[in-house]
Amino acid sequence: MVTLNFTDTDLILLELALQELPEKARNALGTRINQQIIAQREALAKAAEDEPKSPEKREGRERTASRAR
């Protein structure tokens, strides 16, 4: 998964560039970006759910993983 970090200037320039696209292309691109954002948020939420809550469980998982290597 790739995380992109944009500055305010980047976003302004992107918005200006998007305004030059035909409406259909702009809408399709916006839809695709939104789908990616949603998928990334869902993946992060699932990873957070799968992470052991207590330090003891986390250490146990790390020991098990290191033994498997």
C-alpha atoms as a PDB file:
ATOM      1  CA  MET A   1       0.000   0.000   0.000  1.00  0.00           C
ATOM      2  CA  VAL A   2       1.313   3.433  -0.870  1.00  0.00           C
ATOM      3  CA  THR A   3       0.635   6.467   1.263  1.00  0.00           C
ATOM      4  CA  LEU A   4       0.790   9.829  -0.430  1.00  0.00           C
ATOM      5  CA  ASN A   5       1.347  13.015   1.496  1.00  0.00           C
ATOM      6  CA  PHE A   6       0.444  16.250  -0.257  1.00  0.00           C
ATOM      7  CA  THR A   7       1.228  19.792   0.792  1.00  0.00           C
ATOM      8  CA  ASP A   8      -1.418  22.492   0.464  1.00  0.00           C
ATOM      9  CA  THR A   9       0.398  23.768  -2.622  1.00  0.00           C
ATOM     10  CA  ASP A  10       0.328  20.282  -4.174  1.00  0.00           C
ATOM     11  CA  LEU A  11      -3.413  20.055  -3.601  1.00  0.00           C
ATOM     12  CA  ILE A  12      -4.049  23.492  -5.110  1.00  0.00           C
ATOM     13  CA  LEU A  13      -2.009  22.612  -8.204  1.00  0.00           C
ATOM     14  CA  LEU A  14      -3.781  19.253  -8.494  1.00  0.00           C
ATOM     15  CA  GLU A  15      -7.164  20.937  -8.227  1.00  0.00           C
ATOM     16  CA  LEU A  16      -6.222  23.428 -10.951  1.00  0.00           C
ATOM     17  CA  ALA A  17      -5.025  20.607 -13.211  1.00  0.00           C
ATOM     18  CA  LEU A  18      -8.212  18.616 -12.595  1.00  0.00           C
ATOM     19  CA  GLN A  19     -10.314  21.595 -13.653  1.00  0.00           C
ATOM     20  CA  GLU A  20      -8.747  21.315 -17.105  1.00  0.00           C
ATOM     21  CA  LEU A  21      -9.974  17.733 -17.571  1.00  0.00           C
ATOM     22  CA  PRO A  22     -13.292  16.964 -19.227  1.00  0.00           C
ATOM     23  CA  GLU A  23     -16.073  16.424 -16.684  1.00  0.00           C
ATOM     24  CA  LYS A  24     -16.339  12.650 -17.268  1.00  0.00           C
ATOM     25  CA  ALA A  25     -12.613  12.134 -16.746  1.00  0.00           C
ATOM     26  CA  ARG A  26     -12.626  14.368 -13.663  1.00  0.00           C
ATOM     27  CA  ASN A  27     -15.544  12.435 -12.154  1.00  0.00           C
ATOM     28  CA  ALA A  28     -13.970   9.056 -12.935  1.00  0.00           C
ATOM     29  CA  LEU A  29     -10.678  10.103 -11.387  1.00  0.00           C
ATOM     30  CA  GLY A  30     -12.419  11.468  -8.302  1.00  0.00           C
ATOM     31  CA  THR A  31     -14.350   8.218  -7.905  1.00  0.00           C
ATOM     32  CA  ARG A  32     -11.163   6.153  -8.187  1.00  0.00           C
ATOM     33  CA  ILE A  33      -9.344   8.314  -5.638  1.00  0.00           C
ATOM     34  CA  ASN A  34     -12.262   8.005  -3.212  1.00  0.00           C
ATOM     35  CA  GLN A  35     -12.285   4.215  -3.655  1.00  0.00           C
ATOM     36  CA  GLN A  36      -8.580   4.089  -2.843  1.00  0.00           C
ATOM     37  CA  ILE A  37      -9.043   6.257   0.252  1.00  0.00           C
ATOM     38  CA  ILE A  38     -11.876   4.031   1.489  1.00  0.00           C
ATOM     39  CA  ALA A  39      -9.875   0.844   0.838  1.00  0.00           C
ATOM     40  CA  GLN A  40      -6.859   2.250   2.667  1.00  0.00           C
ATOM     41  CA  ARG A  41      -8.965   3.294   5.672  1.00  0.00           C
ATOM     42  CA  GLU A  42     -10.571  -0.160   5.807  1.00  0.00           C
ATOM     43  CA  ALA A  43      -7.164  -1.853   5.648  1.00  0.00           C
ATOM     44  CA  LEU A  44      -5.836   0.349   8.454  1.00  0.00           C
ATOM     45  CA  ALA A  45      -8.915  -0.353  10.581  1.00  0.00           C
ATOM     46  CA  LYS A  46      -8.541  -4.106  10.030  1.00  0.00           C
ATOM     47  CA  ALA A  47      -4.849  -3.965  10.913  1.00  0.00           C
ATOM     48  CA  ALA A  48      -5.706  -2.100  14.111  1.00  0.00           C
ATOM     49  CA  GLU A  49      -8.314  -4.746  15.000  1.00  0.00           C
ATOM     50  CA  ASP A  50      -5.834  -7.564  14.366  1.00  0.00           C
ATOM     51  CA  GLU A  51      -3.145  -5.976  16.559  1.00  0.00           C
ATOM     52  CA  PRO A  52      -3.019  -7.516  20.051  1.00  0.00           C
ATOM     53  CA  LYS A  53      -4.217  -5.051  22.661  1.00  0.00           C
ATOM     54  CA  SER A  54      -2.030  -5.945  25.631  1.00  0.00           C
ATOM     55  CA  PRO A  55       1.777  -5.651  25.627  1.00  0.00           C
ATOM     56  CA  GLU A  56       2.033  -9.297  26.745  1.00  0.00           C
ATOM     57  CA  LYS A  57       0.061 -10.530  23.746  1.00  0.00           C
ATOM     58  CA  ARG A  58       2.057  -8.286  21.416  1.00  0.00           C
ATOM     59  CA  GLU A  59       5.359  -9.631  22.807  1.00  0.00           C
ATOM     60  CA  GLY A  60       4.088 -13.199  22.450  1.00  0.00           C
ATOM     61  CA  ARG A  61       3.162 -12.591  18.829  1.00  0.00           C
ATOM     62  CA  GLU A  62       6.581 -11.033  18.149  1.00  0.00           C
ATOM     63  CA  ARG A  63       8.359 -14.035  19.746  1.00  0.00           C
ATOM     64  CA  THR A  64       6.272 -16.448  17.691  1.00  0.00           C
ATOM     65  CA  ALA A  65       7.035 -14.498  14.511  1.00  0.00           C
ATOM     66  CA  SER A  66      10.774 -14.428  15.241  1.00  0.00           C
ATOM     67  CA  ARG A  67      10.781 -18.205  15.883  1.00  0.00           C
ATOM     68  CA  ALA A  68       9.040 -18.755  12.555  1.00  0.00           C
ATOM     69  CA  ARG A  69      11.822 -16.916  10.746  1.00  0.00           C
END
